[in-house]
Amino acid sequence: MSENKAFSPVKVDLEKDRKYGWCTCGKSANEPFCDGAHKEHKAGPSLKFSVEEDKTAHLCTCKQTSNPPYCDGSHKNL
């Protein structure tokens, strides 16, 4: 099965101790981060997370990952 580019992960630089909100509804204009769009769409809240050290990560946009907010390759099966 070929990879679904519409749901490909987004590579981001994350900063130590900074608080992030990962979009869980897929309606954010700022994917993969939450912009509050879930309120208008009556969807669940964002997943709040932080990291213990500066790092680059691939965040999920398909919302099927078993390791939110990180991509686990689930988008390849969509």
PDB file of N, CA and C in Angstrom:
ATOM      1  N   MET A   1       0.848  -1.175   0.000  1.00  0.00           N
ATOM      2  CA  MET A   1       0.000   0.000   0.000  1.00  0.00           C
ATOM      3  C   MET A   1       0.895   1.240   0.000  1.00  0.00           C
ATOM      4  N   SER A   2       0.551   2.240  -0.774  1.00  0.00           N
ATOM      5  CA  SER A   2       1.376   3.451  -0.854  1.00  0.00           C
ATOM      6  C   SER A   2       1.038   4.415   0.277  1.00  0.00           C
ATOM      7  N   GLU A   3       1.986   5.259   0.599  1.00  0.00           N
ATOM      8  CA  GLU A   3       1.825   6.224   1.675  1.00  0.00           C
ATOM      9  C   GLU A   3       0.824   7.297   1.293  1.00  0.00           C
ATOM     10  N   ASN A   4      -0.046   7.674   2.216  1.00  0.00           N
ATOM     11  CA  ASN A   4      -1.024   8.730   2.011  1.00  0.00           C
ATOM     12  C   ASN A   4      -0.376  10.063   2.374  1.00  0.00           C
ATOM     13  N   LYS A   5       0.019  10.834   1.370  1.00  0.00           N
ATOM     14  CA  LYS A   5       0.735  12.099   1.591  1.00  0.00           C
ATOM     15  C   LYS A   5      -0.101  13.118   2.353  1.00  0.00           C
ATOM     16  N   ALA A   6      -1.433  13.052   2.242  1.00  0.00           N
ATOM     17  CA  ALA A   6      -2.291  13.998   2.939  1.00  0.00           C
ATOM     18  C   ALA A   6      -2.136  13.881   4.454  1.00  0.00           C
ATOM     19  N   PHE A   7      -1.736  12.712   4.938  1.00  0.00           N
ATOM     20  CA  PHE A   7      -1.598  12.480   6.364  1.00  0.00           C
ATOM     21  C   PHE A   7      -0.161  12.264   6.797  1.00  0.00           C
ATOM     22  N   SER A   8       0.791  12.688   5.984  1.00  0.00           N
ATOM     23  CA  SER A   8       2.200  12.517   6.324  1.00  0.00           C
ATOM     24  C   SER A   8       2.538  13.304   7.588  1.00  0.00           C
ATOM     25  N   PRO A   9       3.468  12.820   8.386  1.00  0.00           N
ATOM     26  CA  PRO A   9       3.840  13.520   9.609  1.00  0.00           C
ATOM     27  C   PRO A   9       4.528  14.852   9.307  1.00  0.00           C
ATOM     28  N   VAL A  10       4.533  15.697  10.326  1.00  0.00           N
ATOM     29  CA  VAL A  10       5.174  17.005  10.212  1.00  0.00           C
ATOM     30  C   VAL A  10       6.420  17.000  11.092  1.00  0.00           C
ATOM     31  N   LYS A  11       7.549  17.333  10.492  1.00  0.00           N
ATOM     32  CA  LYS A  11       8.817  17.409  11.223  1.00  0.00           C
ATOM     33  C   LYS A  11       8.870  18.749  11.950  1.00  0.00           C
ATOM     34  N   VAL A  12       9.082  18.706  13.263  1.00  0.00           N
ATOM     35  CA  VAL A  12       9.113  19.925  14.071  1.00  0.00           C
ATOM     36  C   VAL A  12      10.290  19.893  15.039  1.00  0.00           C
ATOM     37  N   ASP A  13      10.767  21.066  15.389  1.00  0.00           N
ATOM     38  CA  ASP A  13      11.782  21.205  16.424  1.00  0.00           C
ATOM     39  C   ASP A  13      11.060  21.552  17.720  1.00  0.00           C
ATOM     40  N   LEU A  14      11.226  20.720  18.729  1.00  0.00           N
ATOM     41  CA  LEU A  14      10.574  20.913  20.016  1.00  0.00           C
ATOM     42  C   LEU A  14      11.596  21.404  21.029  1.00  0.00           C
ATOM     43  N   GLU A  15      11.154  22.327  21.883  1.00  0.00           N
ATOM     44  CA  GLU A  15      12.043  22.925  22.875  1.00  0.00           C
ATOM     45  C   GLU A  15      11.786  22.350  24.266  1.00  0.00           C
ATOM     46  N   LYS A  16      12.859  22.086  24.975  1.00  0.00           N
ATOM     47  CA  LYS A  16      12.798  21.567  26.341  1.00  0.00           C
ATOM     48  C   LYS A  16      11.868  22.420  27.207  1.00  0.00           C
ATOM     49  N   ASP A  17      10.995  21.746  27.958  1.00  0.00           N
ATOM     50  CA  ASP A  17      10.107  22.356  28.952  1.00  0.00           C
ATOM     51  C   ASP A  17       9.042  23.300  28.375  1.00  0.00           C
ATOM     52  N   ARG A  18       8.968  23.448  27.091  1.00  0.00           N
ATOM     53  CA  ARG A  18       7.901  24.250  26.488  1.00  0.00           C
ATOM     54  C   ARG A  18       6.636  23.383  26.424  1.00  0.00           C
ATOM     55  N   LYS A  19       5.487  23.983  26.639  1.00  0.00           N
ATOM     56  CA  LYS A  19       4.230  23.248  26.598  1.00  0.00           C
ATOM     57  C   LYS A  19       3.621  23.354  25.206  1.00  0.00           C
ATOM     58  N   TYR A  20       3.186  22.206  24.684  1.00  0.00           N
ATOM     59  CA  TYR A  20       2.592  22.124  23.353  1.00  0.00           C
ATOM     60  C   TYR A  20       1.206  21.516  23.447  1.00  0.00           C
ATOM     61  N   GLY A  21       0.371  21.835  22.486  1.00  0.00           N
ATOM     62  CA  GLY A  21      -0.939  21.214  22.357  1.00  0.00           C
ATOM     63  C   GLY A  21      -1.028  20.570  20.981  1.00  0.00           C
ATOM     64  N   TRP A  22      -1.108  19.243  20.943  1.00  0.00           N
ATOM     65  CA  TRP A  22      -1.202  18.495  19.683  1.00  0.00           C
ATOM     66  C   TRP A  22      -2.667  18.382  19.301  1.00  0.00           C
ATOM     67  N   CYS A  23      -2.992  18.731  18.080  1.00  0.00           N
ATOM     68  CA  CYS A  23      -4.367  18.681  17.590  1.00  0.00           C
ATOM     69  C   CYS A  23      -4.840  17.230  17.523  1.00  0.00           C
ATOM     70  N   THR A  24      -5.974  16.935  18.136  1.00  0.00           N
ATOM     71  CA  THR A  24      -6.545  15.594  18.104  1.00  0.00           C
ATOM     72  C   THR A  24      -7.737  15.492  17.165  1.00  0.00           C
ATOM     73  N   CYS A  25      -8.261  16.644  16.699  1.00  0.00           N
ATOM     74  CA  CYS A  25      -9.484  16.611  15.886  1.00  0.00           C
ATOM     75  C   CYS A  25      -9.229  16.694  14.387  1.00  0.00           C
ATOM     76  N   GLY A  26      -8.054  17.169  13.984  1.00  0.00           N
ATOM     77  CA  GLY A  26      -7.746  17.292  12.558  1.00  0.00           C
ATOM     78  C   GLY A  26      -8.312  18.539  11.910  1.00  0.00           C
ATOM     79  N   LYS A  27      -8.866  19.465  12.685  1.00  0.00           N
ATOM     80  CA  LYS A  27      -9.479  20.681  12.143  1.00  0.00           C
ATOM     81  C   LYS A  27      -8.592  21.915  12.269  1.00  0.00           C
ATOM     82  N   SER A  28      -7.463  21.785  12.917  1.00  0.00           N
ATOM     83  CA  SER A  28      -6.576  22.927  13.146  1.00  0.00           C
ATOM     84  C   SER A  28      -5.967  23.430  11.842  1.00  0.00           C
ATOM     85  N   ALA A  29      -5.900  24.732  11.704  1.00  0.00           N
ATOM     86  CA  ALA A  29      -5.216  25.341  10.563  1.00  0.00           C
ATOM     87  C   ALA A  29      -3.711  25.362  10.820  1.00  0.00           C
ATOM     88  N   ASN A  30      -3.311  24.975  12.011  1.00  0.00           N
ATOM     89  CA  ASN A  30      -1.909  24.996  12.424  1.00  0.00           C
ATOM     90  C   ASN A  30      -1.410  23.585  12.724  1.00  0.00           C
ATOM     91  N   GLU A  31      -1.881  22.575  11.976  1.00  0.00           N
ATOM     92  CA  GLU A  31      -1.468  21.177  12.184  1.00  0.00           C
ATOM     93  C   GLU A  31       0.050  21.069  12.216  1.00  0.00           C
ATOM     94  N   PRO A  32       0.603  20.323  13.089  1.00  0.00           N
ATOM     95  CA  PRO A  32      -0.008  19.358  13.984  1.00  0.00           C
ATOM     96  C   PRO A  32      -0.415  19.943  15.333  1.00  0.00           C
ATOM     97  N   PHE A  33      -0.285  21.253  15.474  1.00  0.00           N
ATOM     98  CA  PHE A  33      -0.589  21.893  16.751  1.00  0.00           C
ATOM     99  C   PHE A  33      -2.021  22.389  16.792  1.00  0.00           C
ATOM    100  N   CYS A  34      -2.578  22.416  17.991  1.00  0.00           N
ATOM    101  CA  CYS A  34      -3.953  22.853  18.209  1.00  0.00           C
ATOM    102  C   CYS A  34      -4.061  24.373  18.080  1.00  0.00           C
ATOM    103  N   ASP A  35      -5.133  24.819  17.431  1.00  0.00           N
ATOM    104  CA  ASP A  35      -5.427  26.250  17.362  1.00  0.00           C
ATOM    105  C   ASP A  35      -6.799  26.562  17.960  1.00  0.00           C
ATOM    106  N   GLY A  36      -7.389  25.588  18.652  1.00  0.00           N
ATOM    107  CA  GLY A  36      -8.694  25.779  19.281  1.00  0.00           C
ATOM    108  C   GLY A  36      -9.878  25.441  18.389  1.00  0.00           C
ATOM    109  N   ALA A  37      -9.626  24.972  17.164  1.00  0.00           N
ATOM    110  CA  ALA A  37     -10.711  24.663  16.222  1.00  0.00           C
ATOM    111  C   ALA A  37     -11.650  23.585  16.751  1.00  0.00           C
ATOM    112  N   HIS A  38     -11.163  22.739  17.662  1.00  0.00           N
ATOM    113  CA  HIS A  38     -12.007  21.669  18.202  1.00  0.00           C
ATOM    114  C   HIS A  38     -13.242  22.222  18.915  1.00  0.00           C
ATOM    115  N   LYS A  39     -13.146  23.429  19.450  1.00  0.00           N
ATOM    116  CA  LYS A  39     -14.277  24.037  20.158  1.00  0.00           C
ATOM    117  C   LYS A  39     -15.428  24.294  19.194  1.00  0.00           C
ATOM    118  N   GLU A  40     -15.119  24.827  18.027  1.00  0.00           N
ATOM    119  CA  GLU A  40     -16.135  25.107  17.012  1.00  0.00           C
ATOM    120  C   GLU A  40     -16.743  23.819  16.466  1.00  0.00           C
ATOM    121  N   HIS A  41     -15.945  22.783  16.373  1.00  0.00           N
ATOM    122  CA  HIS A  41     -16.388  21.506  15.804  1.00  0.00           C
ATOM    123  C   HIS A  41     -16.865  20.515  16.868  1.00  0.00           C
ATOM    124  N   LYS A  42     -16.902  20.987  18.119  1.00  0.00           N
ATOM    125  CA  LYS A  42     -17.346  20.148  19.237  1.00  0.00           C
ATOM    126  C   LYS A  42     -16.590  18.815  19.302  1.00  0.00           C
ATOM    127  N   ALA A  43     -15.306  18.912  19.078  1.00  0.00           N
ATOM    128  CA  ALA A  43     -14.421  17.739  19.123  1.00  0.00           C
ATOM    129  C   ALA A  43     -13.647  17.758  20.437  1.00  0.00           C
ATOM    130  N   GLY A  44     -12.939  16.689  20.705  1.00  0.00           N
ATOM    131  CA  GLY A  44     -12.161  16.584  21.933  1.00  0.00           C
ATOM    132  C   GLY A  44     -11.036  17.600  22.003  1.00  0.00           C
ATOM    133  N   PRO A  45     -10.545  17.858  23.207  1.00  0.00           N
ATOM    134  CA  PRO A  45      -9.460  18.833  23.389  1.00  0.00           C
ATOM    135  C   PRO A  45      -8.131  18.310  22.864  1.00  0.00           C
ATOM    136  N   SER A  46      -7.179  19.226  22.791  1.00  0.00           N
ATOM    137  CA  SER A  46      -5.834  18.859  22.346  1.00  0.00           C
ATOM    138  C   SER A  46      -5.150  17.991  23.387  1.00  0.00           C
ATOM    139  N   LEU A  47      -4.097  17.330  22.951  1.00  0.00           N
ATOM    140  CA  LEU A  47      -3.241  16.558  23.852  1.00  0.00           C
ATOM    141  C   LEU A  47      -2.080  17.462  24.242  1.00  0.00           C
ATOM    142  N   LYS A  48      -1.965  17.763  25.502  1.00  0.00           N
ATOM    143  CA  LYS A  48      -0.893  18.630  25.966  1.00  0.00           C
ATOM    144  C   LYS A  48       0.335  17.785  26.264  1.00  0.00           C
ATOM    145  N   PHE A  49       1.503  18.288  25.834  1.00  0.00           N
ATOM    146  CA  PHE A  49       2.746  17.563  26.068  1.00  0.00           C
ATOM    147  C   PHE A  49       3.930  18.505  26.099  1.00  0.00           C
ATOM    148  N   SER A  50       5.021  18.019  26.635  1.00  0.00           N
ATOM    149  CA  SER A  50       6.295  18.743  26.638  1.00  0.00           C
ATOM    150  C   SER A  50       7.395  17.698  26.480  1.00  0.00           C
ATOM    151  N   VAL A  51       8.602  18.165  26.240  1.00  0.00           N
ATOM    152  CA  VAL A  51       9.745  17.260  26.093  1.00  0.00           C
ATOM    153  C   VAL A  51      10.815  17.636  27.115  1.00  0.00           C
ATOM    154  N   GLU A  52      11.620  16.657  27.495  1.00  0.00           N
ATOM    155  CA  GLU A  52      12.635  16.867  28.524  1.00  0.00           C
ATOM    156  C   GLU A  52      13.950  17.409  27.977  1.00  0.00           C
ATOM    157  N   GLU A  53      14.078  17.413  26.640  1.00  0.00           N
ATOM    158  CA  GLU A  53      15.278  17.974  26.008  1.00  0.00           C
ATOM    159  C   GLU A  53      14.891  18.486  24.629  1.00  0.00           C
ATOM    160  N   ASP A  54      15.630  19.457  24.116  1.00  0.00           N
ATOM    161  CA  ASP A  54      15.392  19.941  22.759  1.00  0.00           C
ATOM    162  C   ASP A  54      15.539  18.768  21.801  1.00  0.00           C
ATOM    163  N   LYS A  55      14.620  18.634  20.856  1.00  0.00           N
ATOM    164  CA  LYS A  55      14.732  17.551  19.887  1.00  0.00           C
ATOM    165  C   LYS A  55      13.882  17.829  18.664  1.00  0.00           C
ATOM    166  N   THR A  56      14.193  17.116  17.597  1.00  0.00           N
ATOM    167  CA  THR A  56      13.396  17.141  16.382  1.00  0.00           C
ATOM    168  C   THR A  56      12.526  15.896  16.400  1.00  0.00           C
ATOM    169  N   ALA A  57      11.249  16.062  16.070  1.00  0.00           N
ATOM    170  CA  ALA A  57      10.320  14.931  16.087  1.00  0.00           C
ATOM    171  C   ALA A  57       9.389  15.015  14.886  1.00  0.00           C
ATOM    172  N   HIS A  58       8.792  13.892  14.562  1.00  0.00           N
ATOM    173  CA  HIS A  58       7.780  13.828  13.507  1.00  0.00           C
ATOM    174  C   HIS A  58       6.433  13.628  14.196  1.00  0.00           C
ATOM    175  N   LEU A  59       5.581  14.654  14.121  1.00  0.00           N
ATOM    176  CA  LEU A  59       4.286  14.585  14.781  1.00  0.00           C
ATOM    177  C   LEU A  59       3.218  14.101  13.814  1.00  0.00           C
ATOM    178  N   CYS A  60       2.330  13.287  14.330  1.00  0.00           N
ATOM    179  CA  CYS A  60       1.269  12.657  13.554  1.00  0.00           C
ATOM    180  C   CYS A  60       0.215  13.675  13.102  1.00  0.00           C
ATOM    181  N   THR A  61      -0.280  13.514  11.889  1.00  0.00           N
ATOM    182  CA  THR A  61      -1.417  14.310  11.413  1.00  0.00           C
ATOM    183  C   THR A  61      -2.603  13.436  11.034  1.00  0.00           C
ATOM    184  N   CYS A  62      -2.408  12.121  10.935  1.00  0.00           N
ATOM    185  CA  CYS A  62      -3.518  11.228  10.556  1.00  0.00           C
ATOM    186  C   CYS A  62      -4.398  10.876  11.749  1.00  0.00           C
ATOM    187  N   LYS A  63      -3.890  11.099  12.960  1.00  0.00           N
ATOM    188  CA  LYS A  63      -4.600  10.840  14.220  1.00  0.00           C
ATOM    189  C   LYS A  63      -4.800   9.358  14.509  1.00  0.00           C
ATOM    190  N   GLN A  64      -4.100   8.484  13.808  1.00  0.00           N
ATOM    191  CA  GLN A  64      -4.230   7.039  14.008  1.00  0.00           C
ATOM    192  C   GLN A  64      -3.046   6.439  14.768  1.00  0.00           C
ATOM    193  N   THR A  65      -2.081   7.255  15.133  1.00  0.00           N
ATOM    194  CA  THR A  65      -0.891   6.764  15.817  1.00  0.00           C
ATOM    195  C   THR A  65      -1.230   6.088  17.145  1.00  0.00           C
ATOM    196  N   SER A  66      -0.466   5.091  17.497  1.00  0.00           N
ATOM    197  CA  SER A  66      -0.622   4.458  18.805  1.00  0.00           C
ATOM    198  C   SER A  66       0.324   5.084  19.827  1.00  0.00           C
ATOM    199  N   ASN A  67       1.049   6.129  19.401  1.00  0.00           N
ATOM    200  CA  ASN A  67       2.007   6.815  20.265  1.00  0.00           C
ATOM    201  C   ASN A  67       1.852   8.331  20.140  1.00  0.00           C
ATOM    202  N   PRO A  68       0.645   8.865  20.402  1.00  0.00           N
ATOM    203  CA  PRO A  68       0.423  10.300  20.215  1.00  0.00           C
ATOM    204  C   PRO A  68       1.336  11.129  21.113  1.00  0.00           C
ATOM    205  N   PRO A  69       1.851  12.232  20.634  1.00  0.00           N
ATOM    206  CA  PRO A  69       1.589  12.898  19.367  1.00  0.00           C
ATOM    207  C   PRO A  69       2.527  12.476  18.247  1.00  0.00           C
ATOM    208  N   TYR A  70       3.357  11.467  18.511  1.00  0.00           N
ATOM    209  CA  TYR A  70       4.410  11.093  17.566  1.00  0.00           C
ATOM    210  C   TYR A  70       3.904  10.135  16.488  1.00  0.00           C
ATOM    211  N   CYS A  71       4.414  10.308  15.287  1.00  0.00           N
ATOM    212  CA  CYS A  71       4.065   9.436  14.175  1.00  0.00           C
ATOM    213  C   CYS A  71       4.621   8.035  14.397  1.00  0.00           C
ATOM    214  N   ASP A  72       3.798   7.024  14.142  1.00  0.00           N
ATOM    215  CA  ASP A  72       4.269   5.636  14.219  1.00  0.00           C
ATOM    216  C   ASP A  72       4.119   4.916  12.870  1.00  0.00           C
ATOM    217  N   GLY A  73       3.844   5.702  11.809  1.00  0.00           N
ATOM    218  CA  GLY A  73       3.723   5.124  10.476  1.00  0.00           C
ATOM    219  C   GLY A  73       2.317   4.681  10.111  1.00  0.00           C
ATOM    220  N   SER A  74       1.345   4.887  10.984  1.00  0.00           N
ATOM    221  CA  SER A  74      -0.035   4.454  10.720  1.00  0.00           C
ATOM    222  C   SER A  74      -0.605   5.049   9.438  1.00  0.00           C
ATOM    223  N   HIS A  75      -0.163   6.252   9.062  1.00  0.00           N
ATOM    224  CA  HIS A  75      -0.694   6.911   7.866  1.00  0.00           C
ATOM    225  C   HIS A  75      -0.422   6.100   6.595  1.00  0.00           C
ATOM    226  N   LYS A  76       0.571   5.236   6.650  1.00  0.00           N
ATOM    227  CA  LYS A  76       0.913   4.419   5.464  1.00  0.00           C
ATOM    228  C   LYS A  76      -0.163   3.383   5.157  1.00  0.00           C
ATOM    229  N   ASN A  77      -1.020   3.096   6.134  1.00  0.00           N
ATOM    230  CA  ASN A  77      -2.069   2.109   5.953  1.00  0.00           C
ATOM    231  C   ASN A  77      -3.442   2.708   5.643  1.00  0.00           C
ATOM    232  N   LEU A  78      -3.496   4.016   5.491  1.00  0.00           N
ATOM    233  CA  LEU A  78      -4.793   4.672   5.221  1.00  0.00           C
ATOM    234  C   LEU A  78      -5.115   4.673   3.758  1.00  0.00           C
TER     235      LEU A  78
END
